Protein backbone atom coordinates (compact mmCIF):
# COMPACT_ATOMS: atom_id res chain seq x y z
CA UNK A 1 -46.37 23.63 -22.37
CA UNK A 2 -48.13 22.07 -25.34
CA UNK A 3 -49.53 18.58 -25.17
CA UNK A 4 -49.11 16.03 -27.91
CA UNK A 5 -52.81 15.83 -28.64
CA UNK A 6 -53.39 14.32 -32.10
CA UNK A 7 -54.83 16.56 -34.77
CA UNK A 8 -58.04 14.52 -34.97
CA UNK A 9 -60.41 14.62 -33.25
CA UNK A 10 -60.40 18.44 -32.85
CA UNK A 11 -59.13 19.73 -29.52
CA UNK A 12 -61.78 22.47 -29.26
CA UNK A 13 -65.43 21.86 -28.58
CA UNK A 14 -67.86 23.61 -30.95
CA UNK A 15 -69.52 26.69 -29.44
CA UNK A 16 -73.27 26.45 -28.71
CA UNK A 17 -75.60 28.46 -30.93
CA UNK A 18 -76.32 30.95 -28.15
CA UNK A 19 -72.60 31.57 -27.74
CA UNK A 20 -72.18 31.99 -31.49
CA UNK A 21 -74.83 34.72 -31.44
CA UNK A 22 -72.91 36.54 -28.69
CA UNK A 23 -69.66 36.17 -30.63
CA UNK A 24 -71.32 37.59 -33.75
CA UNK A 25 -72.58 40.57 -31.72
CA UNK A 26 -69.07 41.10 -30.33
CA UNK A 27 -67.59 40.98 -33.84
CA UNK A 28 -70.16 43.51 -35.07
CA UNK A 29 -69.34 45.87 -32.18
CA UNK A 30 -65.62 45.45 -32.86
CA UNK A 31 -65.98 46.17 -36.57
CA UNK A 32 -68.67 48.86 -36.74
CA UNK A 33 -68.24 51.03 -33.64
CA UNK A 34 -66.32 54.25 -34.18
CA UNK A 35 -66.62 54.37 -37.98
CA UNK A 36 -68.74 57.53 -38.04
CA UNK A 37 -68.71 60.94 -36.41
CA UNK A 38 -65.11 61.88 -37.19
CA UNK A 39 -63.02 63.44 -39.89
CA UNK A 40 -60.19 61.75 -41.77
CA UNK A 41 -57.17 61.76 -39.46
CA UNK A 42 -54.43 60.83 -41.92
CA UNK A 43 -53.39 61.56 -45.51
CA UNK A 44 -54.08 58.00 -46.67
CA UNK A 45 -57.72 58.22 -45.59
CA UNK A 46 -58.04 61.57 -47.33
CA UNK A 47 -56.67 60.19 -50.60
CA UNK A 48 -59.06 57.22 -50.47
CA UNK A 49 -61.92 59.66 -49.86
CA UNK A 50 -60.81 61.61 -52.93
CA UNK A 51 -61.30 58.57 -55.14
CA UNK A 52 -64.77 58.07 -53.66
CA UNK A 53 -65.68 61.72 -54.33
CA UNK A 54 -64.49 61.30 -57.92
CA UNK A 55 -66.71 58.23 -58.27
CA UNK A 56 -69.71 60.04 -56.78
CA UNK A 57 -69.19 62.91 -59.22
CA UNK A 58 -68.49 60.85 -62.35
CA UNK A 59 -69.99 57.42 -61.66
CA UNK A 60 -66.92 55.70 -63.13
CA UNK A 61 -65.04 53.65 -60.54
CA UNK A 62 -62.80 52.07 -63.20
CA UNK A 63 -60.79 55.30 -63.44
CA UNK A 64 -59.66 54.98 -59.81
CA UNK A 65 -56.33 53.33 -58.96
CA UNK A 66 -58.24 50.86 -56.75
CA UNK A 67 -61.52 50.33 -58.60
CA UNK A 68 -62.99 47.62 -56.39
CA UNK A 69 -62.42 49.53 -53.15
CA UNK A 70 -63.60 52.78 -54.70
CA UNK A 71 -66.77 51.09 -55.94
CA UNK A 72 -67.47 49.44 -52.56
CA UNK A 73 -66.86 52.62 -50.55
CA UNK A 74 -68.74 54.73 -53.09
CA UNK A 75 -71.69 52.36 -52.98
CA UNK A 76 -71.76 52.65 -49.18
CA UNK A 77 -71.63 56.45 -49.53
CA UNK A 78 -74.63 56.33 -51.88
CA UNK A 79 -76.64 53.94 -49.71
CA UNK A 80 -76.02 55.72 -46.40
CA UNK A 81 -75.51 59.23 -47.79
CA UNK A 82 -79.01 60.44 -46.88
CA UNK A 83 -78.23 59.93 -43.19
CA UNK A 84 -74.45 60.31 -42.93
CA UNK A 85 -71.64 62.54 -44.07
CA UNK A 86 -70.01 61.20 -47.25
CA UNK A 87 -66.81 60.08 -45.56
CA UNK A 88 -68.67 58.48 -42.64
CA UNK A 89 -70.91 56.58 -45.05
CA UNK A 90 -67.93 55.45 -47.15
CA UNK A 91 -66.06 54.34 -44.04
CA UNK A 92 -68.86 51.88 -43.23
CA UNK A 93 -67.53 49.77 -46.10
CA UNK A 94 -64.36 49.22 -44.07
CA UNK A 95 -66.40 47.77 -41.22
CA UNK A 96 -68.22 45.43 -43.59
CA UNK A 97 -64.91 44.28 -45.08
CA UNK A 98 -63.48 43.69 -41.61
CA UNK A 99 -66.50 41.58 -40.68
CA UNK A 100 -66.08 39.57 -43.88
CA UNK A 101 -62.41 38.99 -43.04
CA UNK A 102 -63.35 37.68 -39.59
CA UNK A 103 -66.03 35.39 -41.05
CA UNK A 104 -63.81 33.92 -43.77
CA UNK A 105 -60.94 33.42 -41.32
CA UNK A 106 -63.22 31.53 -38.97
CA UNK A 107 -64.59 29.42 -41.80
CA UNK A 108 -61.07 28.64 -43.01
CA UNK A 109 -60.00 27.49 -39.53
CA UNK A 110 -63.11 25.33 -39.21
CA UNK A 111 -62.49 23.76 -42.62
CA UNK A 112 -58.84 23.05 -41.72
CA UNK A 113 -59.06 21.91 -38.11
CA UNK A 114 -62.69 21.15 -37.37
CA UNK A 115 -65.51 22.68 -35.26
CA UNK A 116 -64.53 25.05 -32.47
CA UNK A 117 -61.43 26.41 -34.18
CA UNK A 118 -63.39 28.88 -36.29
CA UNK A 119 -64.41 30.96 -33.28
CA UNK A 120 -60.86 30.81 -31.94
CA UNK A 121 -59.34 32.11 -35.19
CA UNK A 122 -61.84 34.97 -35.50
CA UNK A 123 -61.39 36.00 -31.86
CA UNK A 124 -57.61 35.91 -32.09
CA UNK A 125 -57.68 38.03 -35.24
CA UNK A 126 -59.89 40.56 -33.41
CA UNK A 127 -57.32 40.67 -30.61
CA UNK A 128 -54.37 41.56 -32.88
CA UNK A 129 -52.93 44.92 -31.88
CA UNK A 130 -52.15 46.08 -35.42
CA UNK A 131 -55.58 45.53 -36.94
CA UNK A 132 -57.82 47.79 -34.88
CA UNK A 133 -56.88 51.17 -36.35
CA UNK A 134 -56.66 49.79 -39.90
CA UNK A 135 -60.07 48.13 -39.65
CA UNK A 136 -61.72 51.45 -38.75
CA UNK A 137 -60.14 53.66 -41.38
CA UNK A 138 -61.29 54.45 -44.91
CA UNK A 139 -58.48 52.38 -46.43
CA UNK A 140 -58.32 49.57 -49.01
CA UNK A 141 -56.39 47.43 -46.50
CA UNK A 142 -59.60 45.95 -45.07
CA UNK A 143 -60.87 44.89 -48.51
CA UNK A 144 -57.50 43.29 -49.26
CA UNK A 145 -57.70 41.49 -45.91
CA UNK A 146 -61.18 40.17 -46.73
CA UNK A 147 -60.06 38.99 -50.19
CA UNK A 148 -57.09 37.05 -48.80
CA UNK A 149 -59.29 35.58 -46.06
CA UNK A 150 -61.75 34.39 -48.71
CA UNK A 151 -58.84 32.88 -50.66
CA UNK A 152 -57.70 30.91 -47.60
CA UNK A 153 -61.25 29.71 -46.98
CA UNK A 154 -61.63 28.62 -50.60
CA UNK A 155 -58.36 26.67 -50.48
CA UNK A 156 -59.27 25.03 -47.15
CA UNK A 157 -62.72 24.12 -48.46
CA UNK A 158 -61.47 22.80 -51.79
CA UNK A 159 -60.22 19.46 -50.43
CA UNK A 160 -63.69 18.47 -49.18
CA UNK A 161 -65.97 20.35 -51.60
CA UNK A 162 -64.12 21.09 -54.86
CA UNK A 163 -66.93 22.96 -56.67
CA UNK A 164 -67.64 25.32 -53.77
CA UNK A 165 -63.97 25.75 -52.95
CA UNK A 166 -63.12 26.47 -56.60
CA UNK A 167 -65.90 29.07 -56.82
CA UNK A 168 -64.65 30.91 -53.70
CA UNK A 169 -61.06 30.68 -54.96
CA UNK A 170 -61.99 32.17 -58.32
CA UNK A 171 -63.92 35.10 -56.85
CA UNK A 172 -61.16 35.80 -54.33
CA UNK A 173 -58.46 35.78 -57.02
CA UNK A 174 -60.51 38.16 -59.16
CA UNK A 175 -61.01 40.50 -56.20
CA UNK A 176 -57.26 40.47 -55.55
CA UNK A 177 -56.59 41.29 -59.21
CA UNK A 178 -58.71 44.44 -58.81
CA UNK A 179 -56.56 45.58 -55.88
CA UNK A 180 -52.80 45.63 -56.51
CA UNK A 181 -53.28 43.90 -59.85
CA UNK A 182 -50.56 41.46 -60.94
CA UNK A 183 -48.81 41.36 -57.52
CA UNK A 184 -51.89 40.36 -55.50
CA UNK A 185 -53.03 37.95 -58.21
CA UNK A 186 -49.61 36.29 -58.26
CA UNK A 187 -49.48 36.06 -54.47
CA UNK A 188 -52.97 34.58 -54.36
CA UNK A 189 -52.12 31.95 -56.93
CA UNK A 190 -48.92 31.09 -55.06
CA UNK A 191 -50.82 30.61 -51.78
CA UNK A 192 -53.33 28.29 -53.44
CA UNK A 193 -50.71 26.34 -55.41
CA UNK A 194 -47.93 25.87 -52.82
CA UNK A 195 -49.83 23.21 -50.81
CA UNK A 196 -49.59 20.97 -53.89
CA UNK A 197 -46.02 20.26 -52.78
CA UNK A 198 -47.59 18.18 -50.00
CA UNK A 199 -48.73 14.68 -50.95
CA UNK A 200 -51.94 14.96 -48.92
CA UNK A 201 -52.90 18.18 -50.73
CA UNK A 202 -52.00 16.82 -54.16
CA UNK A 203 -55.36 15.11 -54.53
CA UNK A 204 -57.58 15.06 -57.63
CA UNK A 205 -60.25 17.00 -55.72
CA UNK A 206 -57.92 19.86 -54.76
CA UNK A 207 -56.34 20.05 -58.21
CA UNK A 208 -59.79 20.14 -59.79
CA UNK A 209 -60.85 22.97 -57.46
CA UNK A 210 -57.66 24.87 -58.21
CA UNK A 211 -58.20 24.60 -61.96
CA UNK A 212 -61.80 25.72 -61.53
CA UNK A 213 -60.78 28.73 -59.43
CA UNK A 214 -57.95 29.78 -61.76
CA UNK A 215 -60.19 29.39 -64.80
CA UNK A 216 -63.01 31.42 -63.26
CA UNK A 217 -60.61 34.17 -62.21
CA UNK A 218 -59.06 34.25 -65.70
CA UNK A 219 -62.50 34.50 -67.33
CA UNK A 220 -63.63 37.35 -65.04
CA UNK A 221 -60.32 39.15 -65.40
CA UNK A 222 -60.42 38.89 -69.20
CA UNK A 223 -63.92 40.38 -69.21
CA UNK A 224 -62.77 43.19 -66.89
CA UNK A 225 -59.74 44.03 -69.04
CA UNK A 226 -61.85 43.99 -72.22
CA UNK A 227 -64.36 46.36 -70.64
CA UNK A 228 -61.53 48.55 -69.36
CA UNK A 229 -60.02 48.71 -72.85
CA UNK A 230 -63.39 49.77 -74.25
CA UNK A 231 -63.46 52.60 -71.69
CA UNK A 232 -59.96 53.71 -72.70
CA UNK A 233 -58.40 53.01 -69.33
CA UNK A 234 -56.49 49.78 -69.94
CA UNK A 235 -53.03 51.30 -70.47
CA UNK A 236 -53.25 53.46 -67.35
CA UNK A 237 -54.45 50.56 -65.22
CA UNK A 238 -51.75 48.20 -66.43
CA UNK A 239 -49.09 50.86 -65.81
CA UNK A 240 -50.02 51.03 -62.14
CA UNK A 241 -50.88 47.36 -61.56
CA UNK A 242 -48.26 45.45 -63.51
CA UNK A 243 -45.45 43.07 -62.63
CA UNK A 244 -43.19 45.94 -61.51
CA UNK A 245 -45.06 45.84 -58.20
CA UNK A 246 -43.54 42.42 -57.43
CA UNK A 247 -40.13 43.92 -56.61
CA UNK A 248 -39.54 44.35 -52.86
CA UNK A 249 -38.97 47.90 -51.61
CA UNK A 250 -39.25 47.56 -47.83
CA UNK A 251 -36.65 46.54 -45.26
CA UNK A 252 -37.23 43.04 -43.80
CA UNK A 253 -35.84 44.22 -40.46
CA UNK A 254 -38.43 46.96 -40.28
CA UNK A 255 -41.15 44.43 -41.10
CA UNK A 256 -40.00 42.21 -38.24
CA UNK A 257 -40.07 45.10 -35.77
CA UNK A 258 -43.54 46.07 -37.02
CA UNK A 259 -44.93 42.56 -36.63
CA UNK A 260 -43.44 42.26 -33.14
CA UNK A 261 -46.21 44.51 -31.80
CA UNK A 262 -48.86 44.61 -34.55
CA UNK A 263 -49.15 40.79 -34.77
CA UNK A 264 -49.29 40.33 -30.99
CA UNK A 265 -50.56 37.95 -29.58
CA UNK A 266 -50.73 35.93 -32.82
CA UNK A 267 -47.07 35.33 -33.56
CA UNK A 268 -46.12 33.68 -30.20
CA UNK A 269 -49.01 31.24 -30.58
CA UNK A 270 -48.13 30.63 -34.25
CA UNK A 271 -44.57 29.76 -33.23
CA UNK A 272 -45.96 27.37 -30.59
CA UNK A 273 -48.06 25.66 -33.24
CA UNK A 274 -45.03 25.10 -35.47
CA UNK A 275 -42.88 23.94 -32.54
CA UNK A 276 -45.58 21.57 -31.39
CA UNK A 277 -45.57 19.81 -34.76
CA UNK A 278 -41.95 20.37 -35.77
CA UNK A 279 -41.00 16.69 -35.54
CA UNK A 280 -43.77 15.68 -37.93
CA UNK A 281 -44.38 18.93 -39.81
CA UNK A 282 -44.39 17.13 -43.16
CA UNK A 283 -47.33 15.02 -41.93
CA UNK A 284 -49.17 17.91 -40.22
CA UNK A 285 -51.06 18.60 -43.42
CA UNK A 286 -53.58 20.98 -41.87
CA UNK A 287 -50.76 23.45 -41.21
CA UNK A 288 -49.40 23.43 -44.75
CA UNK A 289 -51.84 26.01 -46.13
CA UNK A 290 -51.28 28.64 -43.38
CA UNK A 291 -47.52 28.03 -43.51
CA UNK A 292 -47.50 28.56 -47.28
CA UNK A 293 -49.59 31.73 -46.81
CA UNK A 294 -47.15 32.98 -44.16
CA UNK A 295 -44.22 32.58 -46.54
CA UNK A 296 -45.96 34.26 -49.48
CA UNK A 297 -47.52 37.12 -47.49
CA UNK A 298 -44.26 37.82 -45.66
CA UNK A 299 -42.73 38.52 -49.07
CA UNK A 300 -45.87 40.42 -50.16
CA UNK A 301 -45.39 42.71 -47.16
CA UNK A 302 -42.09 43.87 -48.69
CA UNK A 303 -43.56 45.10 -51.99
CA UNK A 304 -45.28 48.48 -52.51
CA UNK A 305 -48.69 48.70 -50.85
CA UNK A 306 -51.60 51.09 -50.72
CA UNK A 307 -50.60 52.64 -47.41
CA UNK A 308 -47.62 52.83 -45.14
CA UNK A 309 -47.35 49.51 -43.25
CA UNK A 310 -50.71 48.36 -44.62
CA UNK A 311 -49.08 45.74 -46.83
CA UNK A 312 -48.27 43.71 -43.68
CA UNK A 313 -51.92 43.44 -42.61
CA UNK A 314 -52.79 40.28 -44.66
CA UNK A 315 -50.01 38.41 -42.87
CA UNK A 316 -52.23 38.45 -39.77
CA UNK A 317 -54.57 35.93 -41.43
CA UNK A 318 -52.30 32.85 -41.59
CA UNK A 319 -50.87 33.80 -38.20
CA UNK A 320 -54.42 33.73 -36.80
CA UNK A 321 -54.98 30.27 -38.34
CA UNK A 322 -51.78 28.93 -36.77
CA UNK A 323 -52.64 30.60 -33.46
CA UNK A 324 -56.09 28.94 -33.48
CA UNK A 325 -54.41 25.56 -33.87
CA UNK A 326 -52.11 26.37 -30.94
CA UNK A 327 -55.06 27.41 -28.74
CA UNK A 328 -56.57 23.99 -29.29
CA UNK A 329 -53.41 22.25 -28.08
CA UNK A 330 -52.35 24.41 -25.14
CA UNK A 331 -52.01 22.62 -21.86
CA UNK A 332 -54.25 23.86 -19.08
CA UNK A 333 -51.45 25.70 -17.25
CA UNK A 334 -50.23 27.49 -20.38
CA UNK A 335 -53.78 28.47 -21.36
CA UNK A 336 -54.39 29.79 -17.84
CA UNK A 337 -51.20 31.85 -17.90
CA UNK A 338 -52.01 33.27 -21.35
CA UNK A 339 -55.49 34.17 -20.16
CA UNK A 340 -54.29 36.06 -17.10
CA UNK A 341 -51.59 37.80 -19.09
CA UNK A 342 -54.35 39.14 -21.33
CA UNK A 343 -56.43 40.21 -18.33
CA UNK A 344 -53.51 42.10 -16.78
CA UNK A 345 -52.60 43.70 -20.12
CA UNK A 346 -56.04 45.17 -20.63
CA UNK A 347 -56.41 46.17 -16.99
CA UNK A 348 -53.29 48.28 -17.56
CA UNK A 349 -54.79 49.79 -20.73
CA UNK A 350 -58.06 50.58 -18.92
CA UNK A 351 -56.15 52.37 -16.17
CA UNK A 352 -54.11 54.36 -18.70
CA UNK A 353 -57.20 55.43 -20.66
CA UNK A 354 -59.03 56.67 -17.57
CA UNK A 355 -55.97 58.47 -16.17
CA UNK A 356 -55.48 60.24 -19.50
CA UNK A 357 -59.16 61.14 -19.58
CA UNK A 358 -58.92 62.58 -16.06
CA UNK A 359 -55.90 64.66 -17.08
CA UNK A 360 -57.64 65.87 -20.24
CA UNK A 361 -60.93 66.78 -18.57
CA UNK A 362 -60.11 67.55 -14.95
CA UNK A 363 -56.45 68.60 -15.08
CA UNK A 364 -55.13 65.78 -12.91
CA UNK A 365 -52.36 64.63 -12.91
CA UNK A 366 -51.16 68.16 -13.61
CA UNK A 367 -48.01 67.24 -15.54
CA UNK A 368 -49.90 64.94 -17.89
CA UNK A 369 -52.65 67.55 -18.33
CA UNK A 370 -50.08 70.16 -19.39
CA UNK A 371 -48.53 67.72 -21.81
CA UNK A 372 -51.90 66.93 -23.44
CA UNK A 373 -52.75 70.64 -23.63
CA UNK A 374 -49.49 71.35 -25.45
CA UNK A 375 -50.15 68.50 -27.87
CA UNK A 376 -53.64 69.72 -28.79
CA UNK A 377 -54.14 73.34 -27.73
CA UNK A 378 -57.45 73.59 -29.59
CA UNK A 379 -59.17 71.01 -27.37
CA UNK A 380 -61.57 72.35 -24.75
CA UNK A 381 -62.37 70.26 -21.62
CA UNK A 382 -65.99 69.18 -21.52
CA UNK A 383 -66.15 68.35 -25.23
CA UNK A 384 -66.84 64.65 -24.58
CA UNK A 385 -70.63 64.08 -24.63
CA UNK A 386 -72.13 62.65 -21.45
CA UNK A 387 -73.59 59.67 -23.32
CA UNK A 388 -70.11 58.70 -24.50
CA UNK A 389 -68.73 58.89 -20.98
CA UNK A 390 -71.64 56.75 -19.77
CA UNK A 391 -70.94 54.22 -22.53
CA UNK A 392 -67.26 54.07 -21.57
CA UNK A 393 -68.14 53.49 -17.92
CA UNK A 394 -70.69 50.81 -18.80
CA UNK A 395 -68.25 49.02 -21.12
CA UNK A 396 -65.51 49.07 -18.47
CA UNK A 397 -67.79 47.72 -15.74
CA UNK A 398 -69.25 45.05 -18.05
CA UNK A 399 -65.80 43.78 -19.03
CA UNK A 400 -64.55 43.70 -15.44
CA UNK A 401 -67.69 41.84 -14.37
CA UNK A 402 -67.35 39.36 -17.24
CA UNK A 403 -63.78 38.28 -16.41
CA UNK A 404 -64.74 35.67 -13.81
CA UNK A 405 -67.70 34.58 -15.96
CA UNK A 406 -65.72 33.61 -19.06
CA UNK A 407 -66.16 29.85 -19.63
CA UNK A 408 -63.27 27.73 -18.38
CA UNK A 409 -62.41 26.35 -21.78
CA UNK A 410 -59.46 26.44 -24.13
CA UNK A 411 -61.23 29.26 -25.99
CA UNK A 412 -61.03 31.55 -22.93
CA UNK A 413 -57.63 33.16 -23.74
CA UNK A 414 -58.81 34.10 -27.25
CA UNK A 415 -62.00 35.49 -25.75
CA UNK A 416 -60.22 37.76 -23.29
CA UNK A 417 -57.95 39.21 -26.00
CA UNK A 418 -60.87 39.89 -28.36
CA UNK A 419 -63.08 41.47 -25.70
CA UNK A 420 -60.14 43.42 -24.27
CA UNK A 421 -59.24 44.90 -27.63
CA UNK A 422 -62.89 45.76 -28.28
CA UNK A 423 -63.06 47.52 -24.91
CA UNK A 424 -59.85 49.45 -25.66
CA UNK A 425 -61.34 50.69 -28.95
CA UNK A 426 -64.65 51.65 -27.33
CA UNK A 427 -62.79 53.63 -24.64
CA UNK A 428 -60.55 55.33 -27.17
CA UNK A 429 -63.40 56.46 -29.40
CA UNK A 430 -65.82 57.31 -26.58
CA UNK A 431 -63.36 59.33 -24.49
CA UNK A 432 -60.83 60.69 -26.97
CA UNK A 433 -62.64 61.27 -30.26
CA UNK A 434 -63.04 65.05 -29.66
CA UNK A 435 -59.39 65.29 -28.60
CA UNK A 436 -58.32 63.42 -31.74
CA UNK A 437 -60.53 65.64 -33.91
CA UNK A 438 -58.92 68.75 -32.41
CA UNK A 439 -55.43 67.48 -33.17
CA UNK A 440 -55.58 65.37 -36.35
CA UNK A 441 -58.71 66.34 -38.27
CA UNK A 442 -58.84 68.86 -41.10
CA UNK A 443 -62.36 69.97 -40.20
CA UNK A 444 -61.53 72.45 -37.37
CA UNK A 445 -58.83 74.32 -39.30
CA UNK A 446 -60.92 74.42 -42.48
CA UNK A 447 -63.93 75.73 -40.55
CA UNK A 448 -61.68 78.46 -39.16
CA UNK A 449 -60.50 79.20 -42.71
CA UNK A 450 -64.11 79.48 -43.88
CA UNK A 451 -64.79 82.08 -41.20
CA UNK A 452 -62.04 84.30 -42.65
CA UNK A 453 -63.76 84.51 -46.02
CA UNK A 454 -66.67 86.84 -46.83
CA UNK A 455 -69.89 85.35 -48.14
CA UNK A 456 -69.62 84.25 -51.76
CA UNK A 457 -65.82 84.53 -51.87
CA UNK A 458 -63.81 81.90 -53.73
CA UNK A 459 -60.23 80.75 -53.23
CA UNK A 460 -57.49 79.52 -55.52
CA UNK A 461 -55.51 76.70 -53.93
CA UNK A 462 -51.97 75.33 -53.97
CA UNK A 463 -51.77 72.44 -51.49
CA UNK A 464 -50.81 68.79 -51.09
CA UNK A 465 -53.25 66.18 -52.50
CA UNK A 466 -54.70 65.07 -49.10
CA UNK A 467 -55.42 68.69 -48.14
CA UNK A 468 -56.95 69.33 -51.55
CA UNK A 469 -59.35 66.43 -51.03
CA UNK A 470 -60.44 67.68 -47.61
CA UNK A 471 -60.88 71.22 -48.97
CA UNK A 472 -63.01 69.75 -51.72
CA UNK A 473 -65.07 67.80 -49.19
CA UNK A 474 -65.58 70.58 -46.63
CA UNK A 475 -65.36 73.77 -48.72
CA UNK A 476 -66.09 72.59 -52.24
CA UNK A 477 -68.32 75.59 -52.94
CA UNK A 478 -65.43 77.93 -52.12
CA UNK A 479 -62.90 76.48 -54.56
CA UNK A 480 -62.14 78.24 -57.84
CA UNK A 481 -63.65 76.69 -60.93
CA UNK A 482 -61.98 76.49 -64.30
CA UNK A 483 -61.34 80.00 -65.62
CA UNK A 484 -62.57 81.67 -62.43
CA UNK A 485 -60.48 84.49 -60.95
CA UNK A 486 -60.48 84.85 -57.16
CA UNK A 487 -59.18 87.53 -54.81
CA UNK A 488 -58.22 84.90 -52.21
CA UNK A 489 -55.44 82.36 -52.45
CA UNK A 490 -54.60 79.49 -50.10
CA UNK A 491 -51.06 78.08 -50.10
CA UNK A 492 -49.81 75.09 -48.09
CA UNK A 493 -46.18 74.93 -47.04
CA UNK A 494 -43.88 74.33 -44.12
CA UNK A 495 -43.38 76.68 -41.19
CA UNK A 496 -40.03 77.85 -42.56
CA UNK A 497 -41.22 78.11 -46.17
CA UNK A 498 -43.12 81.34 -46.79
CA UNK A 499 -44.55 81.03 -50.29
CA UNK A 500 -46.80 83.68 -51.78
CA UNK A 501 -48.88 83.68 -54.93
CA UNK A 502 -47.65 85.57 -57.94
CA UNK A 503 -48.93 89.14 -57.78
CA UNK A 504 -49.80 91.62 -55.04
CA UNK A 505 -51.15 89.70 -52.06
CA UNK A 506 -51.16 90.20 -48.33
CA UNK A 507 -51.37 87.42 -45.78
CA UNK A 508 -54.50 87.52 -43.66
CA UNK A 509 -54.57 84.17 -41.91
CA UNK A 510 -52.29 81.33 -40.95
CA UNK A 511 -53.55 77.97 -39.66
CA UNK A 512 -52.51 74.39 -39.04
CA UNK A 513 -53.58 71.11 -37.48
CA UNK A 514 -52.00 71.04 -33.99
CA UNK A 515 -50.52 67.56 -34.44
CA UNK A 516 -48.86 68.59 -37.71
CA UNK A 517 -46.80 71.56 -36.62
CA UNK A 518 -44.74 71.85 -39.81
CA UNK A 519 -47.76 71.76 -42.14
CA UNK A 520 -49.03 75.33 -42.44
CA UNK A 521 -51.88 76.85 -44.45
CA UNK A 522 -51.53 80.52 -45.43
CA UNK A 523 -54.46 82.54 -46.72
CA UNK A 524 -53.66 85.54 -48.92
CA UNK A 525 -55.89 88.34 -50.16
CA UNK A 526 -55.26 90.32 -53.28
CA UNK A 527 -53.98 93.81 -52.38
CA UNK A 528 -56.01 96.29 -54.48
CA UNK A 529 -53.33 99.01 -54.44
CA UNK A 530 -50.30 96.76 -54.67
CA UNK A 531 -49.71 96.78 -50.92
CA UNK A 532 -47.95 93.84 -49.31
CA UNK A 533 -48.47 94.63 -45.66
CA UNK A 534 -49.03 91.61 -43.51
CA UNK A 535 -51.42 92.18 -40.64
CA UNK A 536 -51.42 89.73 -37.77
CA UNK A 537 -53.25 86.70 -39.13
CA UNK A 538 -56.09 85.17 -37.20
CA UNK A 539 -54.95 82.00 -35.58
CA UNK A 540 -51.22 82.60 -36.02
CA UNK A 541 -48.31 85.02 -36.31
CA UNK A 542 -47.45 86.76 -39.54
CA UNK A 543 -44.34 85.14 -41.04
CA UNK A 544 -41.28 87.32 -41.21
CA UNK A 545 -39.38 87.85 -44.41
CA UNK A 546 -42.15 86.42 -46.53
CA UNK A 547 -40.61 85.77 -49.93
CA UNK A 548 -42.39 85.37 -53.25
CA UNK A 549 -42.56 82.28 -55.39
CA UNK A 550 -44.09 81.85 -58.80
CA UNK A 551 -46.68 79.17 -58.16
CA UNK A 552 -49.67 77.82 -60.02
CA UNK A 553 -52.67 78.81 -57.97
CA UNK A 554 -55.47 77.50 -60.14
CA UNK A 555 -57.41 75.02 -58.03
CA UNK A 556 -55.91 71.55 -58.42
CA UNK A 557 -58.54 70.33 -55.98
CA UNK A 558 -61.05 69.93 -58.78
CA UNK A 559 -58.79 67.47 -60.59
CA UNK A 560 -59.13 64.83 -57.87
CA UNK A 561 -56.29 63.09 -56.04
CA UNK A 562 -53.50 61.35 -57.89
CA UNK A 563 -52.93 57.63 -57.77
CA UNK A 564 -51.15 56.97 -54.54
CA UNK A 565 -49.17 54.07 -53.20
CA UNK A 566 -47.76 54.29 -49.71
CA UNK A 567 -44.03 53.91 -49.33
CA UNK A 568 -42.60 52.67 -46.10
């Protein structure tokens, strides 16, 4: 299926300037749409928001477990805060990081393979199934992705322009050191150094660039550590970012099953690229850097990361580089088949989205409508704004009309996967954002909680760190301050666990997010005469046999979230 086209000249024609402008607009739509207008939907986003709130309150990003991400997201929150909610403004940083990752990946492919491959690599990365949700969440994964993409670009550039390549390498290595610390720095150095095993990479120019990059990173890192020591935070930072993070903790089998869908359609094309050159892989020098990055980042995906499954995201970068090479060497029949497979895949997704929307809004099909209502009972049909429905219709029609207009070039399969994934995201956000808010967001349940409290009342809280952050964000004025005594107490527990504060309290309200049925919030009010009667709580049923636990109810929300690393 793959021809034996030589590596030079490049197999892809460079895109005209007008086409590059359209591709840039597509990338901006892919990265920036859907970042605002919604609450945090997961605990990892809430914890990242907590670090940003700490930075906004104190102005010291160095105290955060991820100082570079906290500074970038906090800066976005400051810049866009006058117009946006704090978490929406901070989430814009994720879109900027995703755009940077696309740009550096394209530049790396162009530096490795020649003109035309840059657009292919960026488009294929946009089409990866596992990147879309990560790229639009307030998570450090996108900044890590951008840093590794810059590292690959610096290494690819170093052979032809050692000073520029060394500068990019040094800045990328320093950025990685401010993420997971020693692990990311070690992985970055390994990616840049492994190509030296190849004779064609072991040139004076590349070695000079590598020395320049390592020296610059060491200088910047030394300055950072000295400043951190002066602030009194060096020991804490080293404890959470040391060499202990190099030990693998995840199951390789689980990683393989994750990549099977999240790295689609990159990994089949990457395998084709390797197979195409397998007889002369030692002489296929342009593939040595992405192959080295694949090996290093596959191991890096097994060590502790910021979020669950987020440590596998950087592996998409070298896979996209290998896939871009494969796109340039596909025979016409294989490229045509890959193109139409993408068209049929996204036609199926479009149909599914609109059928689910019909069930959600109009009650047809009836069985699916009942299922969606059980999943999110708080959603009310008609909550989707008309402008969003109009946008979804326009995007669907535009994509269907564009299918026969895509240029008949080797780039066409990458184009259909990128545009199809962008359309899927636009449909999801436009049609299902209110439904997602009703099921996953903290905002509705916390607004209901606020309605239970009289004006000026405060609450003492015992809850998990993500919930504490969202309480701080939405109801910060309600939370007990140091030394303050409140008549209201909020306790988070499971449905079967009925904890009560120490003292005479009665339960007055019970609430939960519909998609988290075993995560229950219970609001208690101090009983003035020692009564413990439990009236029917608003929004739920009074728990039976409510026991008493001795719990600390002073508001931990004001302490900020703890350092968190996701465990798979």
